[in-house]
N, C-alpha and C. Protein backbone atom coordinates (compact mmCIF):
# COMPACT_ATOMS: atom_id res chain seq x y z
N MET A 1 -18.90 -5.91 -9.79
CA MET A 1 -17.54 -5.96 -9.26
C MET A 1 -17.60 -5.93 -7.73
N LYS A 2 -16.71 -6.67 -7.12
CA LYS A 2 -16.65 -6.72 -5.66
C LYS A 2 -16.27 -5.36 -5.08
N THR A 3 -16.62 -5.18 -3.83
CA THR A 3 -16.16 -4.00 -3.12
C THR A 3 -14.78 -4.30 -2.53
N LEU A 4 -14.12 -3.26 -2.06
CA LEU A 4 -12.81 -3.44 -1.43
C LEU A 4 -12.94 -4.30 -0.18
N LYS A 5 -14.05 -4.14 0.56
CA LYS A 5 -14.28 -4.97 1.75
C LYS A 5 -14.36 -6.44 1.37
N GLN A 6 -15.09 -6.74 0.29
CA GLN A 6 -15.23 -8.12 -0.15
C GLN A 6 -13.90 -8.69 -0.64
N LEU A 7 -13.15 -7.88 -1.34
CA LEU A 7 -11.85 -8.32 -1.84
C LEU A 7 -10.91 -8.63 -0.67
N LEU A 8 -10.92 -7.78 0.35
CA LEU A 8 -10.10 -8.01 1.54
C LEU A 8 -10.51 -9.29 2.26
N ALA A 9 -11.81 -9.52 2.35
CA ALA A 9 -12.31 -10.71 3.05
C ALA A 9 -11.84 -11.99 2.35
N GLY A 10 -11.64 -11.92 1.04
CA GLY A 10 -11.20 -13.08 0.28
C GLY A 10 -9.70 -13.32 0.33
N LYS A 11 -8.95 -12.36 0.83
CA LYS A 11 -7.50 -12.52 0.94
C LYS A 11 -7.19 -13.16 2.28
N ASN A 12 -6.50 -14.28 2.25
CA ASN A 12 -6.21 -14.98 3.50
C ASN A 12 -4.72 -15.01 3.82
N ARG A 13 -3.95 -14.17 3.14
CA ARG A 13 -2.52 -14.11 3.40
C ARG A 13 -2.24 -13.13 4.54
N PRO A 14 -1.29 -13.45 5.40
CA PRO A 14 -0.93 -12.49 6.45
C PRO A 14 -0.22 -11.28 5.84
N LEU A 15 -0.35 -10.14 6.49
CA LEU A 15 0.33 -8.94 6.00
C LEU A 15 1.84 -9.10 6.16
N ALA A 16 2.58 -8.68 5.17
CA ALA A 16 4.04 -8.73 5.21
C ALA A 16 4.53 -7.37 5.68
N VAL A 17 5.13 -7.33 6.85
CA VAL A 17 5.54 -6.06 7.44
C VAL A 17 6.97 -6.13 7.99
N VAL A 18 7.58 -4.96 8.11
CA VAL A 18 8.87 -4.81 8.76
C VAL A 18 8.82 -3.54 9.60
N ALA A 19 9.82 -3.37 10.43
CA ALA A 19 9.95 -2.17 11.24
C ALA A 19 10.96 -1.22 10.60
N PRO A 20 10.87 0.07 10.88
CA PRO A 20 11.81 1.03 10.30
C PRO A 20 13.27 0.74 10.67
N ALA A 21 13.51 0.14 11.83
CA ALA A 21 14.88 -0.14 12.28
C ALA A 21 15.43 -1.45 11.75
N ASP A 22 14.64 -2.22 11.01
CA ASP A 22 15.14 -3.45 10.41
C ASP A 22 16.11 -3.12 9.28
N THR A 23 17.04 -4.02 9.01
CA THR A 23 17.94 -3.80 7.88
C THR A 23 17.21 -4.11 6.58
N VAL A 24 17.71 -3.52 5.53
CA VAL A 24 17.15 -3.79 4.20
C VAL A 24 17.33 -5.27 3.86
N PHE A 25 18.44 -5.85 4.28
CA PHE A 25 18.68 -7.28 4.04
C PHE A 25 17.58 -8.12 4.68
N HIS A 26 17.22 -7.80 5.93
CA HIS A 26 16.13 -8.50 6.60
C HIS A 26 14.83 -8.32 5.83
N ALA A 27 14.56 -7.10 5.39
CA ALA A 27 13.33 -6.81 4.64
C ALA A 27 13.26 -7.64 3.36
N LEU A 28 14.39 -7.79 2.68
CA LEU A 28 14.41 -8.60 1.46
C LEU A 28 14.07 -10.05 1.77
N GLY A 29 14.54 -10.54 2.91
CA GLY A 29 14.20 -11.90 3.32
C GLY A 29 12.72 -12.06 3.59
N VAL A 30 12.11 -11.06 4.21
CA VAL A 30 10.66 -11.08 4.46
C VAL A 30 9.90 -11.06 3.13
N MET A 31 10.36 -10.24 2.20
CA MET A 31 9.72 -10.18 0.88
C MET A 31 9.79 -11.55 0.20
N ALA A 32 10.94 -12.18 0.25
CA ALA A 32 11.10 -13.50 -0.37
C ALA A 32 10.21 -14.53 0.30
N LYS A 33 10.17 -14.51 1.63
CA LYS A 33 9.35 -15.47 2.38
C LYS A 33 7.88 -15.36 2.02
N HIS A 34 7.40 -14.13 1.87
CA HIS A 34 5.97 -13.90 1.58
C HIS A 34 5.69 -13.80 0.07
N ASP A 35 6.74 -13.84 -0.75
CA ASP A 35 6.61 -13.74 -2.20
C ASP A 35 5.84 -12.49 -2.60
N VAL A 36 6.30 -11.33 -2.07
CA VAL A 36 5.66 -10.05 -2.37
C VAL A 36 6.71 -9.06 -2.86
N GLY A 37 6.24 -8.00 -3.50
CA GLY A 37 7.12 -6.98 -4.04
C GLY A 37 7.23 -5.74 -3.19
N ALA A 38 6.47 -5.71 -2.09
CA ALA A 38 6.51 -4.55 -1.20
C ALA A 38 6.12 -4.97 0.21
N LEU A 39 6.64 -4.23 1.18
CA LEU A 39 6.32 -4.48 2.58
C LEU A 39 5.78 -3.20 3.21
N LEU A 40 4.84 -3.37 4.11
CA LEU A 40 4.38 -2.24 4.89
C LEU A 40 5.36 -2.05 6.03
N VAL A 41 5.69 -0.81 6.33
CA VAL A 41 6.63 -0.51 7.41
C VAL A 41 5.82 0.03 8.59
N LEU A 42 5.85 -0.71 9.69
CA LEU A 42 5.08 -0.34 10.87
C LEU A 42 6.00 0.01 12.02
N ASP A 43 5.69 1.12 12.67
CA ASP A 43 6.35 1.49 13.92
C ASP A 43 5.33 1.20 15.00
N GLY A 44 5.46 0.05 15.65
CA GLY A 44 4.40 -0.43 16.54
C GLY A 44 3.23 -0.85 15.66
N GLU A 45 2.11 -0.18 15.82
CA GLU A 45 0.95 -0.46 14.96
C GLU A 45 0.69 0.65 13.95
N GLU A 46 1.56 1.65 13.94
CA GLU A 46 1.37 2.79 13.04
C GLU A 46 2.10 2.58 11.72
N LEU A 47 1.36 2.77 10.62
CA LEU A 47 1.94 2.68 9.29
C LEU A 47 2.79 3.93 9.06
N VAL A 48 4.10 3.72 8.83
CA VAL A 48 5.00 4.85 8.64
C VAL A 48 5.66 4.85 7.26
N GLY A 49 5.45 3.80 6.48
CA GLY A 49 6.04 3.77 5.15
C GLY A 49 5.80 2.47 4.42
N ILE A 50 6.32 2.44 3.21
CA ILE A 50 6.30 1.24 2.37
C ILE A 50 7.71 1.04 1.83
N PHE A 51 8.16 -0.21 1.84
CA PHE A 51 9.46 -0.57 1.28
C PHE A 51 9.18 -1.49 0.10
N SER A 52 9.69 -1.13 -1.07
CA SER A 52 9.41 -1.91 -2.27
C SER A 52 10.68 -2.32 -2.99
N GLU A 53 10.52 -3.23 -3.93
CA GLU A 53 11.63 -3.64 -4.78
C GLU A 53 12.21 -2.43 -5.49
N ARG A 54 11.35 -1.50 -5.86
CA ARG A 54 11.80 -0.28 -6.54
C ARG A 54 12.71 0.53 -5.62
N ASP A 55 12.34 0.65 -4.33
CA ASP A 55 13.19 1.35 -3.37
C ASP A 55 14.56 0.69 -3.30
N TYR A 56 14.57 -0.63 -3.24
CA TYR A 56 15.82 -1.38 -3.15
C TYR A 56 16.69 -1.13 -4.39
N ALA A 57 16.08 -1.26 -5.56
CA ALA A 57 16.84 -1.11 -6.80
C ALA A 57 17.42 0.29 -6.93
N ARG A 58 16.63 1.29 -6.64
CA ARG A 58 17.07 2.68 -6.86
C ARG A 58 17.91 3.25 -5.73
N LYS A 59 17.67 2.82 -4.51
CA LYS A 59 18.32 3.46 -3.37
C LYS A 59 19.41 2.62 -2.71
N ILE A 60 19.54 1.38 -3.12
CA ILE A 60 20.61 0.53 -2.58
C ILE A 60 21.54 0.14 -3.74
N ILE A 61 21.04 -0.61 -4.67
CA ILE A 61 21.86 -1.14 -5.76
C ILE A 61 22.51 -0.01 -6.56
N LEU A 62 21.71 0.92 -7.07
CA LEU A 62 22.24 1.97 -7.93
C LEU A 62 23.14 2.95 -7.18
N GLN A 63 22.99 3.04 -5.86
CA GLN A 63 23.82 3.97 -5.10
C GLN A 63 24.99 3.26 -4.40
N GLY A 64 25.13 1.97 -4.66
CA GLY A 64 26.26 1.22 -4.12
C GLY A 64 26.24 1.04 -2.61
N LYS A 65 25.05 1.07 -2.02
CA LYS A 65 24.94 0.88 -0.57
C LYS A 65 24.84 -0.61 -0.24
N SER A 66 25.01 -0.92 1.04
CA SER A 66 24.93 -2.30 1.50
C SER A 66 23.56 -2.56 2.13
N SER A 67 22.92 -3.62 1.69
CA SER A 67 21.61 -3.97 2.26
C SER A 67 21.74 -4.49 3.69
N LYS A 68 22.91 -4.96 4.06
CA LYS A 68 23.11 -5.47 5.42
C LYS A 68 23.37 -4.35 6.42
N GLU A 69 23.75 -3.19 5.94
CA GLU A 69 24.05 -2.06 6.83
C GLU A 69 23.01 -0.95 6.79
N THR A 70 22.23 -0.87 5.73
CA THR A 70 21.25 0.19 5.57
C THR A 70 19.94 -0.21 6.24
N LEU A 71 19.32 0.73 6.94
CA LEU A 71 18.04 0.49 7.60
C LEU A 71 16.88 0.83 6.67
N VAL A 72 15.79 0.12 6.87
CA VAL A 72 14.59 0.34 6.06
C VAL A 72 14.18 1.81 6.13
N ARG A 73 14.25 2.44 7.31
CA ARG A 73 13.80 3.83 7.46
C ARG A 73 14.57 4.79 6.56
N ASP A 74 15.79 4.41 6.19
CA ASP A 74 16.63 5.28 5.38
C ASP A 74 16.25 5.28 3.90
N ILE A 75 15.52 4.27 3.46
CA ILE A 75 15.20 4.22 2.02
C ILE A 75 13.71 3.99 1.72
N MET A 76 12.90 3.76 2.75
CA MET A 76 11.48 3.50 2.51
C MET A 76 10.80 4.75 1.95
N SER A 77 9.67 4.55 1.32
CA SER A 77 8.82 5.65 0.89
C SER A 77 7.96 6.01 2.10
N ASP A 78 8.13 7.24 2.59
CA ASP A 78 7.42 7.59 3.83
C ASP A 78 6.19 8.46 3.61
N ARG A 79 5.95 8.88 2.40
CA ARG A 79 4.70 9.59 2.10
C ARG A 79 3.76 8.56 1.49
N VAL A 80 2.93 7.99 2.33
CA VAL A 80 2.13 6.84 1.94
C VAL A 80 0.68 7.26 1.67
N ALA A 81 0.24 7.00 0.44
CA ALA A 81 -1.17 7.17 0.13
C ALA A 81 -1.89 5.92 0.61
N TYR A 82 -3.12 6.07 1.02
CA TYR A 82 -3.89 4.92 1.49
C TYR A 82 -5.35 5.12 1.14
N VAL A 83 -6.11 4.07 1.28
CA VAL A 83 -7.56 4.11 1.06
C VAL A 83 -8.24 3.50 2.27
N THR A 84 -9.56 3.62 2.31
CA THR A 84 -10.35 3.00 3.37
C THR A 84 -11.13 1.83 2.77
N PRO A 85 -11.68 0.96 3.61
CA PRO A 85 -12.44 -0.19 3.09
C PRO A 85 -13.64 0.21 2.23
N ASP A 86 -14.10 1.44 2.35
CA ASP A 86 -15.24 1.90 1.55
C ASP A 86 -14.86 2.41 0.17
N THR A 87 -13.58 2.49 -0.11
CA THR A 87 -13.11 2.96 -1.41
C THR A 87 -13.45 1.92 -2.48
N SER A 88 -13.93 2.39 -3.62
CA SER A 88 -14.28 1.45 -4.69
C SER A 88 -13.01 0.93 -5.36
N LEU A 89 -13.13 -0.22 -5.99
CA LEU A 89 -12.00 -0.80 -6.70
C LEU A 89 -11.58 0.10 -7.86
N ASP A 90 -12.55 0.74 -8.51
CA ASP A 90 -12.24 1.67 -9.59
C ASP A 90 -11.44 2.86 -9.08
N GLU A 91 -11.78 3.37 -7.89
CA GLU A 91 -11.03 4.48 -7.30
C GLU A 91 -9.60 4.04 -6.97
N CYS A 92 -9.46 2.82 -6.46
CA CYS A 92 -8.13 2.29 -6.16
C CYS A 92 -7.30 2.20 -7.43
N MET A 93 -7.90 1.66 -8.49
CA MET A 93 -7.20 1.51 -9.76
C MET A 93 -6.78 2.87 -10.31
N ALA A 94 -7.68 3.85 -10.22
CA ALA A 94 -7.36 5.19 -10.73
C ALA A 94 -6.21 5.81 -9.94
N LEU A 95 -6.23 5.70 -8.63
CA LEU A 95 -5.19 6.26 -7.79
C LEU A 95 -3.84 5.58 -8.07
N MET A 96 -3.85 4.26 -8.16
CA MET A 96 -2.62 3.52 -8.40
C MET A 96 -2.04 3.84 -9.78
N THR A 97 -2.91 4.00 -10.76
CA THR A 97 -2.47 4.33 -12.11
C THR A 97 -1.90 5.74 -12.16
N GLU A 98 -2.61 6.67 -11.56
CA GLU A 98 -2.18 8.08 -11.58
C GLU A 98 -0.86 8.29 -10.85
N LYS A 99 -0.69 7.65 -9.70
CA LYS A 99 0.48 7.87 -8.86
C LYS A 99 1.60 6.84 -9.08
N HIS A 100 1.35 5.87 -9.97
CA HIS A 100 2.33 4.82 -10.28
C HIS A 100 2.67 3.97 -9.06
N PHE A 101 1.65 3.65 -8.26
CA PHE A 101 1.81 2.74 -7.12
C PHE A 101 1.45 1.34 -7.56
N ARG A 102 2.08 0.36 -6.95
CA ARG A 102 1.70 -1.03 -7.20
C ARG A 102 1.05 -1.64 -5.97
N HIS A 103 1.16 -0.94 -4.82
CA HIS A 103 0.60 -1.42 -3.56
C HIS A 103 -0.05 -0.26 -2.83
N LEU A 104 -1.20 -0.52 -2.23
CA LEU A 104 -1.96 0.53 -1.57
C LEU A 104 -2.48 0.02 -0.23
N PRO A 105 -1.99 0.60 0.87
CA PRO A 105 -2.48 0.18 2.19
C PRO A 105 -3.94 0.60 2.39
N ILE A 106 -4.62 -0.15 3.24
CA ILE A 106 -6.02 0.13 3.57
C ILE A 106 -6.09 0.36 5.07
N LEU A 107 -6.54 1.55 5.45
CA LEU A 107 -6.68 1.91 6.86
C LEU A 107 -8.16 2.11 7.17
N ASP A 108 -8.57 1.71 8.37
CA ASP A 108 -9.95 1.93 8.77
C ASP A 108 -10.13 3.39 9.21
N GLU A 109 -11.35 3.72 9.61
CA GLU A 109 -11.69 5.10 9.96
C GLU A 109 -10.85 5.61 11.12
N ALA A 110 -10.37 4.73 11.98
CA ALA A 110 -9.55 5.11 13.13
C ALA A 110 -8.07 5.20 12.78
N GLY A 111 -7.72 4.87 11.53
CA GLY A 111 -6.33 4.92 11.10
C GLY A 111 -5.57 3.63 11.31
N ALA A 112 -6.27 2.56 11.70
CA ALA A 112 -5.62 1.26 11.91
C ALA A 112 -5.48 0.52 10.58
N LEU A 113 -4.35 -0.12 10.39
CA LEU A 113 -4.09 -0.90 9.18
C LEU A 113 -4.99 -2.12 9.14
N VAL A 114 -5.71 -2.30 8.02
CA VAL A 114 -6.57 -3.48 7.88
C VAL A 114 -6.16 -4.37 6.71
N GLY A 115 -5.27 -3.87 5.86
CA GLY A 115 -4.85 -4.69 4.74
C GLY A 115 -4.07 -3.89 3.72
N VAL A 116 -3.79 -4.55 2.62
CA VAL A 116 -3.10 -3.91 1.50
C VAL A 116 -3.64 -4.53 0.22
N ILE A 117 -3.73 -3.73 -0.81
CA ILE A 117 -4.19 -4.22 -2.11
C ILE A 117 -3.09 -3.95 -3.13
N SER A 118 -2.91 -4.89 -4.02
CA SER A 118 -1.89 -4.71 -5.06
C SER A 118 -2.57 -4.50 -6.40
N ILE A 119 -1.82 -3.99 -7.34
CA ILE A 119 -2.36 -3.80 -8.68
C ILE A 119 -2.74 -5.17 -9.27
N GLY A 120 -2.01 -6.21 -8.89
CA GLY A 120 -2.36 -7.56 -9.34
C GLY A 120 -3.71 -8.00 -8.83
N ASP A 121 -4.03 -7.66 -7.57
CA ASP A 121 -5.36 -7.97 -7.02
C ASP A 121 -6.45 -7.31 -7.85
N LEU A 122 -6.22 -6.05 -8.21
CA LEU A 122 -7.22 -5.30 -8.97
C LEU A 122 -7.38 -5.84 -10.38
N VAL A 123 -6.27 -6.18 -11.02
CA VAL A 123 -6.34 -6.74 -12.37
C VAL A 123 -7.08 -8.08 -12.35
N LYS A 124 -6.74 -8.92 -11.39
CA LYS A 124 -7.39 -10.23 -11.25
C LYS A 124 -8.90 -10.07 -11.06
N GLU A 125 -9.31 -9.14 -10.22
CA GLU A 125 -10.73 -8.91 -9.98
C GLU A 125 -11.43 -8.33 -11.21
N THR A 126 -10.75 -7.45 -11.93
CA THR A 126 -11.32 -6.87 -13.15
C THR A 126 -11.55 -7.95 -14.20
N ILE A 127 -10.58 -8.83 -14.37
CA ILE A 127 -10.72 -9.93 -15.34
C ILE A 127 -11.87 -10.84 -14.93
N SER A 128 -11.96 -11.17 -13.65
CA SER A 128 -13.03 -12.03 -13.15
C SER A 128 -14.39 -11.39 -13.38
N SER A 129 -14.50 -10.11 -13.12
CA SER A 129 -15.75 -9.39 -13.30
C SER A 129 -16.15 -9.34 -14.77
N GLN A 130 -15.19 -9.11 -15.65
CA GLN A 130 -15.47 -9.07 -17.08
C GLN A 130 -15.88 -10.45 -17.60
N ARG A 131 -15.22 -11.48 -17.11
CA ARG A 131 -15.56 -12.85 -17.52
C ARG A 131 -17.01 -13.17 -17.13
N PHE A 132 -17.39 -12.78 -15.90
CA PHE A 132 -18.75 -13.01 -15.44
C PHE A 132 -19.75 -12.26 -16.33
N LEU A 133 -19.46 -11.00 -16.65
CA LEU A 133 -20.35 -10.20 -17.48
C LEU A 133 -20.50 -10.81 -18.87
N ILE A 134 -19.40 -11.28 -19.45
CA ILE A 134 -19.45 -11.92 -20.77
C ILE A 134 -20.32 -13.17 -20.73
N GLU A 135 -20.15 -13.99 -19.70
CA GLU A 135 -20.96 -15.20 -19.57
C GLU A 135 -22.44 -14.87 -19.44
N GLU A 136 -22.75 -13.84 -18.66
CA GLU A 136 -24.15 -13.42 -18.50
C GLU A 136 -24.73 -12.93 -19.82
N LEU A 137 -23.97 -12.17 -20.58
CA LEU A 137 -24.44 -11.69 -21.88
C LEU A 137 -24.61 -12.83 -22.87
N GLU A 138 -23.70 -13.81 -22.84
CA GLU A 138 -23.85 -14.96 -23.72
C GLU A 138 -25.10 -15.76 -23.37
N ARG A 139 -25.39 -15.93 -22.08
CA ARG A 139 -26.61 -16.64 -21.66
C ARG A 139 -27.86 -15.87 -22.10
N TYR A 140 -27.80 -14.56 -21.98
CA TYR A 140 -28.94 -13.72 -22.37
C TYR A 140 -29.21 -13.84 -23.88
N ILE A 141 -28.13 -13.78 -24.67
CA ILE A 141 -28.27 -13.85 -26.13
C ILE A 141 -28.76 -15.24 -26.54
N ALA A 142 -28.23 -16.27 -25.91
CA ALA A 142 -28.61 -17.64 -26.26
C ALA A 142 -29.99 -17.99 -25.72
N GLY A 143 -30.43 -17.28 -24.67
CA GLY A 143 -31.62 -17.60 -23.93
C GLY A 143 -32.87 -17.42 -24.65
């Protein structure tokens, strides 16, 4: 299985980010443009939160608020778990499963944002790794 560093190197999409002072409506537009379910919230270069579809559904729609008037900082998740590039994919999967996260930011040793991994990325890599292992075992048995 690939390492988190290798998985990041293979991702060529730009990070989808917003600022805490952006409106939720603007954030939804960024999500649509990047076709993602969550955005990293940066204050300058500092990661200060995550804004997700879940935040929108629970904190805007269900509470009858306006996405054009509400700021991201008012509804984002501000207690953000993160991993480092040295974290194994299995550790990422365990953390995301235990905490019910779908997106996990990756910070380097200095605390700088280097990427984000989604549960979809992990599932895709797990399937690829299993497919490779099955092919190797079939070659060994046939060999």
